[in-house]
């Protein structure tokens, strides 16, 4: 199952902790959040994903 980056960021921004979100949504894994945070970092840095590979 794929979750949009925006949804996971919204859940985090709402004040829910990662552990709470993972408990409520067992289909998600910690690695999903790590990927979202990495994507968000790249998005605001102005770098492309290709530049980081």
PDB file of N, CA and C in Angstrom:
ATOM      1  N   UNK A   1       0.844  -1.178   0.000  1.00  0.00           N
ATOM      2  CA  UNK A   1       0.000   0.000   0.000  1.00  0.00           C
ATOM      3  C   UNK A   1       0.890   1.241   0.000  1.00  0.00           C
ATOM      4  N   UNK A   2       0.561   2.180  -0.828  1.00  0.00           N
ATOM      5  CA  UNK A   2       1.319   3.424  -0.900  1.00  0.00           C
ATOM      6  C   UNK A   2       0.533   4.540  -0.217  1.00  0.00           C
ATOM      7  N   UNK A   3       1.241   5.313   0.563  1.00  0.00           N
ATOM      8  CA  UNK A   3       0.658   6.473   1.233  1.00  0.00           C
ATOM      9  C   UNK A   3       1.301   7.727   0.646  1.00  0.00           C
ATOM     10  N   UNK A   4       0.501   8.733   0.317  1.00  0.00           N
ATOM     11  CA  UNK A   4       1.085   9.980  -0.165  1.00  0.00           C
ATOM     12  C   UNK A   4       1.952  10.627   0.917  1.00  0.00           C
ATOM     13  N   UNK A   5       3.053  11.212   0.501  1.00  0.00           N
ATOM     14  CA  UNK A   5       3.950  11.909   1.427  1.00  0.00           C
ATOM     15  C   UNK A   5       3.163  12.949   2.219  1.00  0.00           C
ATOM     16  N   UNK A   6       2.305  13.671   1.536  1.00  0.00           N
ATOM     17  CA  UNK A   6       1.523  14.734   2.177  1.00  0.00           C
ATOM     18  C   UNK A   6       0.700  14.205   3.350  1.00  0.00           C
ATOM     19  N   UNK A   7       0.124  13.035   3.221  1.00  0.00           N
ATOM     20  CA  UNK A   7      -0.709  12.468   4.285  1.00  0.00           C
ATOM     21  C   UNK A   7       0.131  12.167   5.521  1.00  0.00           C
ATOM     22  N   UNK A   8       1.285  11.558   5.317  1.00  0.00           N
ATOM     23  CA  UNK A   8       2.138  11.236   6.464  1.00  0.00           C
ATOM     24  C   UNK A   8       2.671  12.507   7.120  1.00  0.00           C
ATOM     25  N   UNK A   9       3.002  13.514   6.335  1.00  0.00           N
ATOM     26  CA  UNK A   9       3.439  14.784   6.907  1.00  0.00           C
ATOM     27  C   UNK A   9       2.298  15.457   7.669  1.00  0.00           C
ATOM     28  N   UNK A  10       1.085  15.388   7.136  1.00  0.00           N
ATOM     29  CA  UNK A  10      -0.073  15.959   7.827  1.00  0.00           C
ATOM     30  C   UNK A  10      -0.316  15.269   9.172  1.00  0.00           C
ATOM     31  N   UNK A  11      -0.199  13.953   9.187  1.00  0.00           N
ATOM     32  CA  UNK A  11      -0.379  13.233  10.443  1.00  0.00           C
ATOM     33  C   UNK A  11       0.666  13.662  11.465  1.00  0.00           C
ATOM     34  N   UNK A  12       1.896  13.789  11.024  1.00  0.00           N
ATOM     35  CA  UNK A  12       2.963  14.232  11.923  1.00  0.00           C
ATOM     36  C   UNK A  12       2.726  15.663  12.390  1.00  0.00           C
ATOM     37  N   UNK A  13       2.327  16.523  11.474  1.00  0.00           N
ATOM     38  CA  UNK A  13       2.095  17.928  11.808  1.00  0.00           C
ATOM     39  C   UNK A  13       0.901  18.110  12.738  1.00  0.00           C
ATOM     40  N   UNK A  14       0.001  17.139  12.756  1.00  0.00           N
ATOM     41  CA  UNK A  14      -1.178  17.240  13.617  1.00  0.00           C
ATOM     42  C   UNK A  14      -0.834  17.010  15.084  1.00  0.00           C
ATOM     43  N   UNK A  15       0.408  16.593  15.322  1.00  0.00           N
ATOM     44  CA  UNK A  15       0.827  16.365  16.699  1.00  0.00           C
ATOM     45  C   UNK A  15       0.949  14.899  17.066  1.00  0.00           C
ATOM     46  N   UNK A  16       0.580  14.026  16.151  1.00  0.00           N
ATOM     47  CA  UNK A  16       0.724  12.597  16.419  1.00  0.00           C
ATOM     48  C   UNK A  16       2.186  12.208  16.301  1.00  0.00           C
ATOM     49  N   UNK A  17       2.649  11.409  17.230  1.00  0.00           N
ATOM     50  CA  UNK A  17       4.006  10.898  17.154  1.00  0.00           C
ATOM     51  C   UNK A  17       4.082   9.724  16.189  1.00  0.00           C
ATOM     52  N   UNK A  18       5.278   9.426  15.753  1.00  0.00           N
ATOM     53  CA  UNK A  18       5.459   8.327  14.810  1.00  0.00           C
ATOM     54  C   UNK A  18       4.947   7.016  15.395  1.00  0.00           C
ATOM     55  N   UNK A  19       5.245   6.750  16.652  1.00  0.00           N
ATOM     56  CA  UNK A  19       4.785   5.504  17.270  1.00  0.00           C
ATOM     57  C   UNK A  19       3.264   5.419  17.304  1.00  0.00           C
ATOM     58  N   UNK A  20       2.611   6.537  17.589  1.00  0.00           N
ATOM     59  CA  UNK A  20       1.149   6.573  17.618  1.00  0.00           C
ATOM     60  C   UNK A  20       0.560   6.310  16.230  1.00  0.00           C
ATOM     61  N   UNK A  21       1.159   6.920  15.220  1.00  0.00           N
ATOM     62  CA  UNK A  21       0.676   6.723  13.848  1.00  0.00           C
ATOM     63  C   UNK A  21       0.882   5.272  13.424  1.00  0.00           C
ATOM     64  N   UNK A  22       2.054   4.726  13.746  1.00  0.00           N
ATOM     65  CA  UNK A  22       2.327   3.327  13.393  1.00  0.00           C
ATOM     66  C   UNK A  22       1.376   2.374  14.105  1.00  0.00           C
ATOM     67  N   UNK A  23       1.009   2.702  15.330  1.00  0.00           N
ATOM     68  CA  UNK A  23       0.058   1.863  16.070  1.00  0.00           C
ATOM     69  C   UNK A  23      -1.325   1.919  15.431  1.00  0.00           C
ATOM     70  N   UNK A  24      -1.735   3.124  15.007  1.00  0.00           N
ATOM     71  CA  UNK A  24      -3.054   3.290  14.380  1.00  0.00           C
ATOM     72  C   UNK A  24      -3.105   2.727  12.964  1.00  0.00           C
ATOM     73  N   UNK A  25      -1.946   2.650  12.307  1.00  0.00           N
ATOM     74  CA  UNK A  25      -1.887   2.205  10.913  1.00  0.00           C
ATOM     75  C   UNK A  25      -0.791   1.143  10.776  1.00  0.00           C
ATOM     76  N   UNK A  26      -1.097  -0.086  11.163  1.00  0.00           N
ATOM     77  CA  UNK A  26      -0.072  -1.141  11.175  1.00  0.00           C
ATOM     78  C   UNK A  26       0.510  -1.485   9.805  1.00  0.00           C
ATOM     79  N   UNK A  27      -0.126  -1.024   8.747  1.00  0.00           N
ATOM     80  CA  UNK A  27       0.418  -1.294   7.412  1.00  0.00           C
ATOM     81  C   UNK A  27       1.643  -0.416   7.130  1.00  0.00           C
ATOM     82  N   UNK A  28       1.833   0.618   7.932  1.00  0.00           N
ATOM     83  CA  UNK A  28       3.006   1.482   7.785  1.00  0.00           C
ATOM     84  C   UNK A  28       4.171   0.923   8.588  1.00  0.00           C
ATOM     85  N   UNK A  29       5.369   1.287   8.174  1.00  0.00           N
ATOM     86  CA  UNK A  29       6.577   0.884   8.887  1.00  0.00           C
ATOM     87  C   UNK A  29       7.429   2.112   9.157  1.00  0.00           C
ATOM     88  N   UNK A  30       8.318   2.014  10.107  1.00  0.00           N
ATOM     89  CA  UNK A  30       9.209   3.123  10.444  1.00  0.00           C
ATOM     90  C   UNK A  30       9.959   3.609   9.207  1.00  0.00           C
ATOM     91  N   UNK A  31      10.361   2.699   8.361  1.00  0.00           N
ATOM     92  CA  UNK A  31      11.102   3.053   7.154  1.00  0.00           C
ATOM     93  C   UNK A  31      10.284   3.955   6.230  1.00  0.00           C
ATOM     94  N   UNK A  32       8.953   3.809   6.256  1.00  0.00           N
ATOM     95  CA  UNK A  32       8.095   4.682   5.457  1.00  0.00           C
ATOM     96  C   UNK A  32       8.256   6.131   5.909  1.00  0.00           C
ATOM     97  N   UNK A  33       8.297   6.334   7.222  1.00  0.00           N
ATOM     98  CA  UNK A  33       8.474   7.687   7.739  1.00  0.00           C
ATOM     99  C   UNK A  33       9.867   8.230   7.432  1.00  0.00           C
ATOM    100  N   UNK A  34      10.859   7.390   7.558  1.00  0.00           N
ATOM    101  CA  UNK A  34      12.213   7.837   7.252  1.00  0.00           C
ATOM    102  C   UNK A  34      12.311   8.276   5.788  1.00  0.00           C
ATOM    103  N   UNK A  35      11.649   7.555   4.899  1.00  0.00           N
ATOM    104  CA  UNK A  35      11.636   7.924   3.481  1.00  0.00           C
ATOM    105  C   UNK A  35      10.893   9.238   3.264  1.00  0.00           C
ATOM    106  N   UNK A  36       9.794   9.444   3.973  1.00  0.00           N
ATOM    107  CA  UNK A  36       9.034  10.695   3.862  1.00  0.00           C
ATOM    108  C   UNK A  36       9.878  11.872   4.320  1.00  0.00           C
ATOM    109  N   UNK A  37      10.562  11.707   5.447  1.00  0.00           N
ATOM    110  CA  UNK A  37      11.386  12.796   5.960  1.00  0.00           C
ATOM    111  C   UNK A  37      12.553  13.090   5.018  1.00  0.00           C
ATOM    112  N   UNK A  38      13.131  12.066   4.429  1.00  0.00           N
ATOM    113  CA  UNK A  38      14.224  12.264   3.470  1.00  0.00           C
ATOM    114  C   UNK A  38      13.702  13.001   2.232  1.00  0.00           C
ATOM    115  N   UNK A  39      12.527  12.604   1.752  1.00  0.00           N
ATOM    116  CA  UNK A  39      11.927  13.267   0.597  1.00  0.00           C
ATOM    117  C   UNK A  39      11.643  14.734   0.908  1.00  0.00           C
ATOM    118  N   UNK A  40      11.087  15.001   2.085  1.00  0.00           N
ATOM    119  CA  UNK A  40      10.780  16.378   2.474  1.00  0.00           C
ATOM    120  C   UNK A  40      12.057  17.212   2.560  1.00  0.00           C
ATOM    121  N   UNK A  41      13.116  16.624   3.095  1.00  0.00           N
ATOM    122  CA  UNK A  41      14.399  17.327   3.188  1.00  0.00           C
ATOM    123  C   UNK A  41      14.903  17.700   1.792  1.00  0.00           C
ATOM    124  N   UNK A  42      14.828  16.743   0.873  1.00  0.00           N
ATOM    125  CA  UNK A  42      15.259  17.015  -0.496  1.00  0.00           C
ATOM    126  C   UNK A  42      14.395  18.088  -1.154  1.00  0.00           C
ATOM    127  N   UNK A  43      13.092  18.030  -0.898  1.00  0.00           N
ATOM    128  CA  UNK A  43      12.168  18.976  -1.512  1.00  0.00           C
ATOM    129  C   UNK A  43      12.466  20.412  -1.083  1.00  0.00           C
ATOM    130  N   UNK A  44      12.812  20.609   0.180  1.00  0.00           N
ATOM    131  CA  UNK A  44      13.067  21.980   0.622  1.00  0.00           C
ATOM    132  C   UNK A  44      14.505  22.415   0.373  1.00  0.00           C
ATOM    133  N   UNK A  45      15.387  21.476   0.090  1.00  0.00           N
ATOM    134  CA  UNK A  45      16.780  21.826  -0.175  1.00  0.00           C
ATOM    135  C   UNK A  45      16.991  22.320  -1.593  1.00  0.00           C
ATOM    136  N   UNK A  46      16.046  22.001  -2.476  1.00  0.00           N
ATOM    137  CA  UNK A  46      16.172  22.389  -3.866  1.00  0.00           C
ATOM    138  C   UNK A  46      16.949  21.367  -4.688  1.00  0.00           C
ATOM    139  N   UNK A  47      17.404  20.303  -4.045  1.00  0.00           N
ATOM    140  CA  UNK A  47      18.130  19.247  -4.765  1.00  0.00           C
ATOM    141  C   UNK A  47      17.132  18.238  -5.320  1.00  0.00           C
ATOM    142  N   UNK A  48      17.523  17.577  -6.388  1.00  0.00           N
ATOM    143  CA  UNK A  48      16.676  16.529  -6.934  1.00  0.00           C
ATOM    144  C   UNK A  48      17.090  15.189  -6.355  1.00  0.00           C
ATOM    145  N   UNK A  49      16.208  14.250  -6.448  1.00  0.00           N
ATOM    146  CA  UNK A  49      16.501  12.905  -5.967  1.00  0.00           C
ATOM    147  C   UNK A  49      17.670  12.329  -6.753  1.00  0.00           C
ATOM    148  N   UNK A  50      17.748  12.652  -8.036  1.00  0.00           N
ATOM    149  CA  UNK A  50      18.856  12.151  -8.872  1.00  0.00           C
ATOM    150  C   UNK A  50      20.204  12.646  -8.388  1.00  0.00           C
ATOM    151  N   UNK A  51      20.243  13.865  -7.852  1.00  0.00           N
ATOM    152  CA  UNK A  51      21.507  14.420  -7.360  1.00  0.00           C
ATOM    153  C   UNK A  51      21.997  13.668  -6.121  1.00  0.00           C
ATOM    154  N   UNK A  52      21.082  13.069  -5.364  1.00  0.00           N
ATOM    155  CA  UNK A  52      21.452  12.401  -4.128  1.00  0.00           C
ATOM    156  C   UNK A  52      21.853  10.940  -4.364  1.00  0.00           C
ATOM    157  N   UNK A  53      21.537  10.411  -5.536  1.00  0.00           N
ATOM    158  CA  UNK A  53      21.825   8.995  -5.821  1.00  0.00           C
ATOM    159  C   UNK A  53      23.288   8.763  -6.074  1.00  0.00           C
TER     160      UNK A  53
END
